[in-house]
Amino acid sequence: MLNEEQKSFYEERGYLIVDNIVSENDLKLIKVGITNMLDAIIVRAKKEYPKHQNILKNADNISKKMNILETVDHKYVAELHDCMLTANNPYIAKIISSENILNVINNLLGKSFDNPLFTTSSMGIFSMPQNTQHTVIQWHTDTFYTCKDGEYVHLWTPIIEDSSEDLGSLHILPGSHKEPFTGEIRDNSNLESDIHKFSISDEFVQKYDEIVVELKQGQGLFFNQYLVHRGGINGTERTRFNLVTLYHSMSNPKFSPYYLQHPKSPISSDEFFDEMKLGKH
């Protein structure tokens, strides 16, 4: 259970770092799991690209495996990405369903410990060296990418090594959660992807002091659904691995258990944006 000081900090600042939220055993399990996934991919890469046999043999840690696979063919790194969704990855699923995490989430939502929760955007994510194409470095919230009328808390936690600024750890604007939907803008320049479509205006960002959240293994960053945040650029030669999940309260009377863009969803992300920002109904 969280104490009153922790809950007050979360309400005022919009985020909270909690120690020992992921166990050492779970961290060891997921590291072994990801290593073995990469090894299985490398076995196939050796068969498909025999000319790269020698460099593939030199992959003796997770970051080297990632870098070498990217050199051989990006499709192998993309394949690992598809293996990191909670629905496909039992090691990540084990972490996000831990009793410790569920209790913290319901504490921050002001709910009882047995309040039912629903997850979206739940996956392991990684950022390779100097990668900006697949890292959301624009200031944003996840409001328009998840369940409409959701009441939720984010979890962001390192799963392979400590998350430091040079590795591209998360940047946040403490206190920005108190102005929901203020500063939201839409960029329609890339019609092929929603990843960077909704961001935050420079004018809004300048009102707040940015901080980089550096986390030790086992620590978890919990933050409010309206807290403005962005990814950092990984300036190292290693790959940063983290786990992210949005936990929605199902006791919210307006909750609907559909992800935006789901065939049964009553609204698209663009329609949601128009409703909240332009007053269209």
Protein backbone atom coordinates (compact mmCIF):
# COMPACT_ATOMS: atom_id res chain seq x y z
CA MET A 1 0.00 0.00 0.00
CA LEU A 2 1.12 3.54 -0.67
CA ASN A 3 1.32 6.08 2.13
CA GLU A 4 -0.37 9.47 2.11
CA GLU A 5 2.85 11.27 1.21
CA GLN A 6 3.26 9.13 -1.91
CA LYS A 7 -0.36 9.63 -2.97
CA SER A 8 -0.15 13.39 -2.41
CA PHE A 9 3.06 13.55 -4.48
CA TYR A 10 1.33 11.69 -7.30
CA GLU A 11 -1.69 13.99 -7.22
CA GLU A 12 0.46 17.12 -7.24
CA ARG A 13 3.22 16.09 -9.64
CA GLY A 14 1.39 13.53 -11.76
CA TYR A 15 3.92 10.72 -11.32
CA LEU A 16 5.43 8.43 -8.70
CA ILE A 17 8.51 6.19 -8.64
CA VAL A 18 8.01 3.02 -6.60
CA ASP A 19 10.90 0.77 -5.52
CA ASN A 20 10.91 -3.04 -5.74
CA ILE A 21 7.89 -3.16 -8.02
CA VAL A 22 9.46 -5.86 -10.23
CA SER A 23 11.14 -8.80 -8.49
CA GLU A 24 14.70 -9.93 -9.18
CA ASN A 25 13.37 -13.33 -10.24
CA ASP A 26 11.05 -11.78 -12.83
CA LEU A 27 13.87 -9.60 -14.15
CA LYS A 28 16.12 -12.66 -14.51
CA LEU A 29 13.31 -14.58 -16.21
CA ILE A 30 12.60 -11.90 -18.79
CA LYS A 31 16.30 -11.36 -19.54
CA VAL A 32 16.74 -15.07 -20.21
CA GLY A 33 13.53 -15.09 -22.24
CA ILE A 34 14.58 -12.22 -24.51
CA THR A 35 18.08 -13.67 -24.90
CA ASN A 36 16.67 -17.02 -25.98
CA MET A 37 14.22 -15.36 -28.37
CA LEU A 38 17.11 -13.56 -30.04
CA ASP A 39 19.14 -16.77 -30.19
CA ALA A 40 16.26 -18.50 -31.98
CA ILE A 41 16.08 -15.65 -34.48
CA ILE A 42 19.87 -15.79 -34.99
CA VAL A 43 19.70 -19.51 -35.82
CA ARG A 44 17.33 -18.71 -38.65
CA ALA A 45 19.35 -15.69 -39.76
CA LYS A 46 22.45 -17.90 -40.12
CA LYS A 47 20.54 -20.18 -42.48
CA GLU A 48 19.05 -17.35 -44.50
CA TYR A 49 22.27 -15.30 -44.64
CA PRO A 50 25.20 -17.78 -44.61
CA LYS A 51 27.63 -15.02 -45.62
CA HIS A 52 27.00 -13.42 -42.20
CA GLN A 53 27.80 -16.57 -40.20
CA ASN A 54 30.92 -15.08 -38.61
CA ILE A 55 29.43 -11.82 -37.35
CA LEU A 56 26.34 -13.62 -36.06
CA LYS A 57 28.60 -15.90 -33.99
CA ASN A 58 30.04 -12.80 -32.27
CA ALA A 59 26.69 -11.83 -30.73
CA ASP A 60 27.45 -12.56 -27.08
CA ASN A 61 25.04 -10.19 -25.30
CA ILE A 62 21.59 -8.78 -25.93
CA SER A 63 22.72 -5.43 -27.37
CA LYS A 64 25.26 -7.07 -29.71
CA LYS A 65 22.59 -9.51 -30.87
CA MET A 66 20.27 -6.58 -31.64
CA ASN A 67 22.92 -4.54 -33.45
CA ILE A 68 24.15 -7.46 -35.54
CA LEU A 69 20.63 -8.55 -36.51
CA GLU A 70 19.86 -4.98 -37.57
CA THR A 71 23.00 -5.04 -39.73
CA VAL A 72 22.02 -8.35 -41.34
CA ASP A 73 18.34 -7.52 -41.95
CA HIS A 74 15.96 -5.20 -40.11
CA LYS A 75 13.19 -7.79 -40.44
CA TYR A 76 14.75 -9.75 -37.57
CA VAL A 77 14.55 -6.80 -35.19
CA ALA A 78 10.97 -6.17 -36.33
CA GLU A 79 10.21 -9.80 -35.55
CA LEU A 80 11.44 -9.38 -31.99
CA HIS A 81 9.17 -6.34 -31.66
CA ASP A 82 6.20 -8.56 -32.57
CA CYS A 83 7.29 -11.00 -29.86
CA MET A 84 7.15 -8.29 -27.16
CA LEU A 85 3.38 -7.79 -27.00
CA THR A 86 1.86 -9.00 -23.75
CA ALA A 87 -0.47 -11.32 -25.67
CA ASN A 88 2.60 -13.00 -27.19
CA ASN A 89 5.11 -12.81 -24.36
CA PRO A 90 4.50 -14.78 -21.13
CA TYR A 91 7.47 -13.13 -19.35
CA ILE A 92 6.01 -9.65 -19.79
CA ALA A 93 2.51 -10.91 -18.96
CA LYS A 94 3.85 -12.26 -15.66
CA ILE A 95 5.31 -8.90 -14.67
CA ILE A 96 2.30 -6.72 -15.49
CA SER A 97 -0.06 -8.95 -13.51
CA SER A 98 1.95 -8.96 -10.28
CA GLU A 99 -0.01 -8.25 -7.11
CA ASN A 100 2.36 -5.41 -6.17
CA ILE A 101 1.72 -3.53 -9.42
CA LEU A 102 -2.05 -4.08 -9.37
CA ASN A 103 -2.25 -2.78 -5.78
CA VAL A 104 -0.26 0.37 -6.62
CA ILE A 105 -2.44 1.06 -9.66
CA ASN A 106 -5.68 0.81 -7.69
CA ASN A 107 -4.19 2.93 -4.89
CA LEU A 108 -3.38 5.68 -7.37
CA LEU A 109 -6.84 5.39 -8.93
CA GLY A 110 -8.39 5.72 -5.48
CA LYS A 111 -9.98 2.27 -5.79
CA SER A 112 -10.12 -0.83 -3.61
CA PHE A 113 -7.46 -3.50 -4.14
CA ASP A 114 -9.92 -5.76 -5.99
CA ASN A 115 -11.10 -3.12 -8.47
CA PRO A 116 -11.13 -4.76 -11.93
CA LEU A 117 -8.47 -3.52 -14.36
CA PHE A 118 -8.16 -3.65 -18.14
CA THR A 119 -4.89 -3.13 -20.00
CA THR A 120 -4.05 -1.48 -23.31
CA SER A 121 -0.73 -0.63 -25.00
CA SER A 122 0.85 -3.39 -22.93
CA MET A 123 4.21 -4.54 -24.27
CA GLY A 124 7.95 -4.61 -23.99
CA ILE A 125 9.48 -1.78 -26.00
CA PHE A 126 13.05 -1.16 -27.06
CA SER A 127 15.06 1.74 -28.44
CA MET A 128 18.14 0.99 -30.49
CA PRO A 129 21.15 3.34 -30.70
CA GLN A 130 20.39 6.76 -32.22
CA ASN A 131 16.97 5.58 -33.38
CA THR A 132 14.38 8.32 -33.85
CA GLN A 133 12.16 6.62 -36.41
CA HIS A 134 10.58 4.25 -33.92
CA THR A 135 10.94 6.32 -30.74
CA VAL A 136 8.21 8.82 -29.90
CA ILE A 137 10.40 11.83 -29.14
CA GLN A 138 7.54 14.32 -29.55
CA TRP A 139 5.82 15.54 -26.40
CA HIS A 140 2.46 13.77 -26.12
CA THR A 141 -0.10 12.01 -23.98
CA ASP A 142 -1.63 8.64 -24.87
CA THR A 143 -5.18 9.97 -24.64
CA PHE A 144 -6.09 9.54 -28.28
CA TYR A 145 -4.43 6.13 -28.66
CA THR A 146 -6.45 4.23 -26.08
CA CYS A 147 -9.98 3.65 -24.74
CA LYS A 148 -12.18 6.72 -24.96
CA ASP A 149 -13.30 8.00 -21.52
CA GLY A 150 -10.64 5.82 -19.93
CA GLU A 151 -9.56 6.34 -16.32
CA TYR A 152 -6.08 4.93 -16.21
CA VAL A 153 -2.51 4.97 -14.91
CA HIS A 154 0.65 4.32 -16.94
CA LEU A 155 3.43 1.98 -15.87
CA TRP A 156 6.94 2.33 -17.35
CA THR A 157 9.79 0.20 -16.03
CA PRO A 158 13.25 -1.02 -17.20
CA ILE A 159 13.57 -4.76 -17.83
CA ILE A 160 17.16 -5.43 -18.95
CA GLU A 161 19.30 -2.72 -17.34
CA ASP A 162 18.86 0.56 -15.48
CA SER A 163 17.18 3.24 -17.56
CA SER A 164 19.50 6.27 -17.71
CA GLU A 165 19.43 9.55 -19.60
CA ASP A 166 22.12 8.46 -22.05
CA LEU A 167 20.06 5.35 -22.86
CA GLY A 168 17.09 7.55 -23.71
CA SER A 169 15.02 7.29 -20.53
CA LEU A 170 11.56 8.87 -20.36
CA HIS A 171 11.16 12.67 -20.19
CA ILE A 172 8.14 14.11 -18.34
CA LEU A 173 6.59 17.50 -17.51
CA PRO A 174 5.59 17.30 -13.81
CA GLY A 175 2.27 19.02 -13.10
CA SER A 176 1.15 19.06 -16.72
CA HIS A 177 -1.59 16.52 -15.92
CA LYS A 178 -3.61 19.30 -14.29
CA GLU A 179 -4.41 20.77 -17.72
CA PRO A 180 -5.92 17.86 -19.65
CA PHE A 181 -6.28 18.40 -23.42
CA THR A 182 -4.58 21.81 -23.23
CA GLY A 183 -1.88 22.16 -25.87
CA GLU A 184 -2.97 19.10 -27.87
CA ILE A 185 -2.30 19.49 -31.60
CA ARG A 186 -2.73 17.18 -34.58
CA ASP A 187 -0.18 16.64 -37.33
CA ASN A 188 -1.63 15.17 -40.52
CA SER A 189 1.64 15.25 -42.46
CA ASN A 190 2.10 11.47 -42.14
CA LEU A 191 -1.08 9.75 -43.24
CA GLU A 192 0.45 6.27 -42.99
CA SER A 193 0.92 6.23 -39.22
CA ASP A 194 -0.80 7.44 -36.05
CA ILE A 195 2.38 7.12 -33.96
CA HIS A 196 3.29 10.81 -34.06
CA LYS A 197 -0.08 12.26 -35.05
CA PHE A 198 -1.11 13.84 -31.74
CA SER A 199 1.49 15.94 -29.94
CA ILE A 200 1.74 18.96 -27.62
CA SER A 201 2.35 22.55 -28.65
CA ASP A 202 5.67 24.25 -27.87
CA GLU A 203 3.79 26.99 -26.02
CA PHE A 204 2.34 24.48 -23.57
CA VAL A 205 5.63 22.64 -23.07
CA GLN A 206 7.46 25.87 -22.22
CA LYS A 207 5.17 26.38 -19.21
CA TYR A 208 6.73 23.40 -17.41
CA ASP A 209 10.14 22.22 -16.24
CA GLU A 210 11.21 19.03 -17.97
CA ILE A 211 12.83 16.20 -16.04
CA VAL A 212 14.40 12.93 -17.19
CA VAL A 213 13.28 9.95 -15.11
CA GLU A 214 16.21 7.60 -14.49
CA LEU A 215 15.18 4.26 -13.03
CA LYS A 216 17.03 1.39 -11.41
CA GLN A 217 16.05 -2.17 -12.21
CA GLY A 218 13.05 -3.11 -10.09
CA GLN A 219 11.74 0.45 -9.90
CA GLY A 220 8.53 1.45 -11.68
CA LEU A 221 7.38 4.85 -12.89
CA PHE A 222 3.62 5.31 -12.52
CA PHE A 223 2.09 8.39 -14.08
CA ASN A 224 -1.25 10.06 -14.69
CA GLN A 225 -3.07 9.59 -17.98
CA TYR A 226 -2.77 13.32 -18.78
CA LEU A 227 0.89 13.76 -17.86
CA VAL A 228 2.83 15.06 -20.88
CA HIS A 229 5.86 12.89 -21.69
CA ARG A 230 8.19 11.81 -24.49
CA GLY A 231 10.89 9.27 -25.21
CA GLY A 232 14.56 10.17 -25.12
CA ILE A 233 17.14 9.44 -27.81
CA ASN A 234 19.40 6.50 -27.04
CA GLY A 235 22.93 7.88 -27.34
CA THR A 236 24.72 4.64 -26.47
CA GLU A 237 25.65 1.54 -28.45
CA ARG A 238 23.27 -0.55 -26.35
CA THR A 239 19.56 -1.21 -26.77
CA ARG A 240 17.22 0.12 -24.09
CA PHE A 241 14.43 -2.27 -23.07
CA ASN A 242 11.39 -1.20 -21.07
CA LEU A 243 7.91 -2.43 -20.29
CA VAL A 244 4.88 -0.17 -20.70
CA THR A 245 1.23 -0.73 -19.81
CA LEU A 246 -1.88 1.40 -19.42
CA TYR A 247 -4.17 0.12 -16.63
CA HIS A 248 -7.82 1.20 -16.98
CA SER A 249 -10.39 1.05 -14.19
CA MET A 250 -13.32 -1.05 -15.37
CA SER A 251 -15.53 0.35 -12.60
CA ASN A 252 -15.55 3.69 -14.42
CA PRO A 253 -19.22 4.04 -15.58
CA LYS A 254 -18.05 5.35 -18.99
CA PHE A 255 -15.56 2.56 -19.58
CA SER A 256 -15.87 0.59 -22.81
CA PRO A 257 -13.47 -2.35 -23.24
CA TYR A 258 -12.46 -1.57 -26.79
CA TYR A 259 -9.21 -0.19 -28.10
CA LEU A 260 -9.56 2.72 -30.52
CA GLN A 261 -9.47 1.47 -34.13
CA HIS A 262 -11.05 -1.81 -32.96
CA PRO A 263 -13.83 -2.80 -35.40
CA LYS A 264 -16.42 -2.40 -32.63
CA SER A 265 -15.04 0.89 -31.32
CA PRO A 266 -17.67 3.63 -31.55
CA ILE A 267 -15.07 6.31 -32.28
CA SER A 268 -11.73 6.74 -34.05
CA SER A 269 -8.73 8.57 -32.62
CA ASP A 270 -9.37 11.50 -34.98
CA GLU A 271 -13.04 11.70 -33.98
CA PHE A 272 -11.99 11.61 -30.32
CA PHE A 273 -9.57 14.49 -30.92
CA ASP A 274 -12.24 16.54 -32.72
CA GLU A 275 -14.72 15.96 -29.90
CA MET A 276 -12.31 17.04 -27.14
CA LYS A 277 -10.46 19.84 -28.93
CA LEU A 278 -12.99 21.21 -31.40
CA GLY A 279 -16.22 20.53 -29.55
CA LYS A 280 -17.66 18.42 -32.36
CA HIS A 281 -20.24 15.82 -31.45
